[in-house]
């Protein structure tokens, strides 16, 4: 996986807002389609805060799988986490398609499965 993709997934897994902010250019255009709807952020700090917020109430967060590959002029990063939030086990998968400039994400479109009840077969 290209370096920024690896850093991004590691920062999400560590719930490290500072490291996540460093994955983005200052004026990133970040769009996320999540079950509640479309979210848009236009700065590195806002994008990092949004991603960190999604996992902020998790008492456990474990990376199950991640992949990264170039798709033409885009970077595709996917990752799946298992966790516990409010005593409930969940699994979530996200796919991120990015424009990368100088090893930072300049534009990103994210698609999220939502937090799904964790079943043994889902892992």
C-alpha atoms as a PDB file:
ATOM      1  CA  UNK A   1       0.000   0.000   0.000  1.00  0.00           C
ATOM      2  CA  UNK A   2       1.403   3.460  -0.786  1.00  0.00           C
ATOM      3  CA  UNK A   3       2.829   5.226   2.261  1.00  0.00           C
ATOM      4  CA  UNK A   4      -0.019   7.697   2.902  1.00  0.00           C
ATOM      5  CA  UNK A   5      -2.533   4.842   2.770  1.00  0.00           C
ATOM      6  CA  UNK A   6      -0.590   2.906   5.390  1.00  0.00           C
ATOM      7  CA  UNK A   7      -0.226   5.979   7.591  1.00  0.00           C
ATOM      8  CA  UNK A   8      -3.949   6.733   7.262  1.00  0.00           C
ATOM      9  CA  UNK A   9      -5.037   3.240   8.342  1.00  0.00           C
ATOM     10  CA  UNK A  10      -2.514   3.183  11.201  1.00  0.00           C
ATOM     11  CA  UNK A  11      -3.732   6.576  12.422  1.00  0.00           C
ATOM     12  CA  UNK A  12      -7.372   5.463  12.364  1.00  0.00           C
ATOM     13  CA  UNK A  13      -6.466   2.244  14.199  1.00  0.00           C
ATOM     14  CA  UNK A  14      -4.549   4.209  16.840  1.00  0.00           C
ATOM     15  CA  UNK A  15      -7.326   6.815  17.069  1.00  0.00           C
ATOM     16  CA  UNK A  16      -4.549   9.401  16.616  1.00  0.00           C
ATOM     17  CA  UNK A  17      -6.089  12.657  15.395  1.00  0.00           C
ATOM     18  CA  UNK A  18      -2.704  14.366  15.021  1.00  0.00           C
ATOM     19  CA  UNK A  19      -1.291  11.578  12.840  1.00  0.00           C
ATOM     20  CA  UNK A  20      -4.513  11.511  10.827  1.00  0.00           C
ATOM     21  CA  UNK A  21      -4.352  15.281  10.264  1.00  0.00           C
ATOM     22  CA  UNK A  22      -0.828  14.822   8.875  1.00  0.00           C
ATOM     23  CA  UNK A  23      -2.210  12.484   6.185  1.00  0.00           C
ATOM     24  CA  UNK A  24      -4.100  15.370   4.555  1.00  0.00           C
ATOM     25  CA  UNK A  25      -3.092  18.565   2.776  1.00  0.00           C
ATOM     26  CA  UNK A  26      -4.244  21.629   4.718  1.00  0.00           C
ATOM     27  CA  UNK A  27      -7.188  22.364   2.389  1.00  0.00           C
ATOM     28  CA  UNK A  28      -8.278  18.777   1.691  1.00  0.00           C
ATOM     29  CA  UNK A  29     -11.687  18.175   0.170  1.00  0.00           C
ATOM     30  CA  UNK A  30     -13.042  15.205   2.140  1.00  0.00           C
ATOM     31  CA  UNK A  31     -16.428  13.668   1.389  1.00  0.00           C
ATOM     32  CA  UNK A  32     -17.857  10.725   3.283  1.00  0.00           C
ATOM     33  CA  UNK A  33     -21.023   8.803   2.551  1.00  0.00           C
ATOM     34  CA  UNK A  34     -22.102   7.114   5.771  1.00  0.00           C
ATOM     35  CA  UNK A  35     -25.453   5.581   6.698  1.00  0.00           C
ATOM     36  CA  UNK A  36     -26.690   8.881   8.214  1.00  0.00           C
ATOM     37  CA  UNK A  37     -25.788  10.708   4.984  1.00  0.00           C
ATOM     38  CA  UNK A  38     -23.150  12.799   3.237  1.00  0.00           C
ATOM     39  CA  UNK A  39     -20.486  14.576   5.289  1.00  0.00           C
ATOM     40  CA  UNK A  40     -18.066  17.106   3.783  1.00  0.00           C
ATOM     41  CA  UNK A  41     -14.989  18.708   5.311  1.00  0.00           C
ATOM     42  CA  UNK A  42     -12.559  21.176   3.754  1.00  0.00           C
ATOM     43  CA  UNK A  43      -9.563  21.182   6.053  1.00  0.00           C
ATOM     44  CA  UNK A  44      -7.140  18.586   7.351  1.00  0.00           C
ATOM     45  CA  UNK A  45      -8.132  19.213  10.965  1.00  0.00           C
ATOM     46  CA  UNK A  46     -11.875  18.944  10.209  1.00  0.00           C
ATOM     47  CA  UNK A  47     -11.446  15.745   8.165  1.00  0.00           C
ATOM     48  CA  UNK A  48      -9.283  14.129  10.841  1.00  0.00           C
ATOM     49  CA  UNK A  49     -11.721  15.135  13.583  1.00  0.00           C
ATOM     50  CA  UNK A  50     -14.629  13.603  11.649  1.00  0.00           C
ATOM     51  CA  UNK A  51     -12.876  10.265  11.148  1.00  0.00           C
ATOM     52  CA  UNK A  52     -11.651  10.195  14.751  1.00  0.00           C
ATOM     53  CA  UNK A  53     -15.167  10.996  16.004  1.00  0.00           C
ATOM     54  CA  UNK A  54     -16.600   7.921  14.282  1.00  0.00           C
ATOM     55  CA  UNK A  55     -14.433   5.662  16.439  1.00  0.00           C
ATOM     56  CA  UNK A  56     -14.109   7.891  19.502  1.00  0.00           C
ATOM     57  CA  UNK A  57     -16.571   5.956  21.675  1.00  0.00           C
ATOM     58  CA  UNK A  58     -14.998   2.593  20.869  1.00  0.00           C
ATOM     59  CA  UNK A  59     -13.526   0.867  23.894  1.00  0.00           C
ATOM     60  CA  UNK A  60     -11.876  -1.661  21.590  1.00  0.00           C
ATOM     61  CA  UNK A  61     -10.799  -1.181  17.982  1.00  0.00           C
ATOM     62  CA  UNK A  62      -8.960  -3.909  16.118  1.00  0.00           C
ATOM     63  CA  UNK A  63      -7.823  -3.812  12.497  1.00  0.00           C
ATOM     64  CA  UNK A  64      -9.022  -6.962  10.738  1.00  0.00           C
ATOM     65  CA  UNK A  65      -7.906  -6.222   7.184  1.00  0.00           C
ATOM     66  CA  UNK A  66      -6.592  -3.444   4.972  1.00  0.00           C
ATOM     67  CA  UNK A  67      -5.611  -3.038   1.333  1.00  0.00           C
ATOM     68  CA  UNK A  68      -4.291  -0.283  -0.829  1.00  0.00           C
ATOM     69  CA  UNK A  69      -3.832  -0.022  -4.566  1.00  0.00           C
ATOM     70  CA  UNK A  70      -3.659   2.526  -7.306  1.00  0.00           C
ATOM     71  CA  UNK A  71      -6.680   2.789  -9.566  1.00  0.00           C
ATOM     72  CA  UNK A  72      -5.470   4.921 -12.442  1.00  0.00           C
ATOM     73  CA  UNK A  73      -4.663   8.297 -10.900  1.00  0.00           C
ATOM     74  CA  UNK A  74      -6.403   7.486  -7.588  1.00  0.00           C
ATOM     75  CA  UNK A  75      -5.367   5.643  -4.453  1.00  0.00           C
ATOM     76  CA  UNK A  76      -7.899   3.135  -3.168  1.00  0.00           C
ATOM     77  CA  UNK A  77      -7.598   2.251   0.530  1.00  0.00           C
ATOM     78  CA  UNK A  78      -9.946  -0.187   2.235  1.00  0.00           C
ATOM     79  CA  UNK A  79      -9.965  -1.339   5.813  1.00  0.00           C
ATOM     80  CA  UNK A  80     -12.153  -3.300   8.182  1.00  0.00           C
ATOM     81  CA  UNK A  81     -12.257  -2.896  11.948  1.00  0.00           C
ATOM     82  CA  UNK A  82     -13.904  -4.874  14.711  1.00  0.00           C
ATOM     83  CA  UNK A  83     -14.658  -3.053  17.903  1.00  0.00           C
ATOM     84  CA  UNK A  84     -16.847  -2.526  20.896  1.00  0.00           C
ATOM     85  CA  UNK A  85     -18.933   0.575  21.476  1.00  0.00           C
ATOM     86  CA  UNK A  86     -21.406   0.970  24.339  1.00  0.00           C
ATOM     87  CA  UNK A  87     -20.858  -2.689  25.176  1.00  0.00           C
ATOM     88  CA  UNK A  88     -21.917  -3.813  21.688  1.00  0.00           C
ATOM     89  CA  UNK A  89     -19.554  -5.623  19.309  1.00  0.00           C
ATOM     90  CA  UNK A  90     -19.416  -4.176  15.790  1.00  0.00           C
ATOM     91  CA  UNK A  91     -17.626  -4.530  12.487  1.00  0.00           C
ATOM     92  CA  UNK A  92     -17.182  -1.660  10.018  1.00  0.00           C
ATOM     93  CA  UNK A  93     -15.599  -1.410   6.585  1.00  0.00           C
ATOM     94  CA  UNK A  94     -14.626   1.757   4.765  1.00  0.00           C
ATOM     95  CA  UNK A  95     -13.336   2.410   1.258  1.00  0.00           C
ATOM     96  CA  UNK A  96     -11.434   5.567   0.456  1.00  0.00           C
ATOM     97  CA  UNK A  97     -10.621   6.839  -3.039  1.00  0.00           C
ATOM     98  CA  UNK A  98      -8.020   9.612  -2.950  1.00  0.00           C
ATOM     99  CA  UNK A  99      -6.097  12.086  -5.016  1.00  0.00           C
ATOM    100  CA  UNK A 100      -2.601  12.135  -3.525  1.00  0.00           C
ATOM    101  CA  UNK A 101      -0.208  15.084  -3.794  1.00  0.00           C
ATOM    102  CA  UNK A 102       3.267  14.987  -2.238  1.00  0.00           C
ATOM    103  CA  UNK A 103       2.334  11.868  -0.242  1.00  0.00           C
ATOM    104  CA  UNK A 104      -0.700  13.556   1.336  1.00  0.00           C
ATOM    105  CA  UNK A 105      -4.387  13.187   0.578  1.00  0.00           C
ATOM    106  CA  UNK A 106      -5.658  16.217  -1.342  1.00  0.00           C
ATOM    107  CA  UNK A 107      -9.149  14.916  -2.158  1.00  0.00           C
ATOM    108  CA  UNK A 108     -10.966  11.911  -0.768  1.00  0.00           C
ATOM    109  CA  UNK A 109     -14.277  10.167  -1.204  1.00  0.00           C
ATOM    110  CA  UNK A 110     -15.105   7.658   1.516  1.00  0.00           C
ATOM    111  CA  UNK A 111     -17.842   5.037   1.586  1.00  0.00           C
ATOM    112  CA  UNK A 112     -18.730   3.451   4.937  1.00  0.00           C
ATOM    113  CA  UNK A 113     -20.675   0.266   5.645  1.00  0.00           C
ATOM    114  CA  UNK A 114     -21.845   1.649   8.955  1.00  0.00           C
ATOM    115  CA  UNK A 115     -21.287  -0.063  12.274  1.00  0.00           C
ATOM    116  CA  UNK A 116     -22.772  -3.521  11.804  1.00  0.00           C
ATOM    117  CA  UNK A 117     -23.411  -6.101  14.540  1.00  0.00           C
ATOM    118  CA  UNK A 118     -20.324  -8.275  14.732  1.00  0.00           C
ATOM    119  CA  UNK A 119     -20.837 -11.898  13.833  1.00  0.00           C
ATOM    120  CA  UNK A 120     -18.021 -14.441  13.923  1.00  0.00           C
ATOM    121  CA  UNK A 121     -18.442 -15.058  10.187  1.00  0.00           C
ATOM    122  CA  UNK A 122     -18.018 -11.300   9.497  1.00  0.00           C
ATOM    123  CA  UNK A 123     -14.430 -11.374  10.729  1.00  0.00           C
END
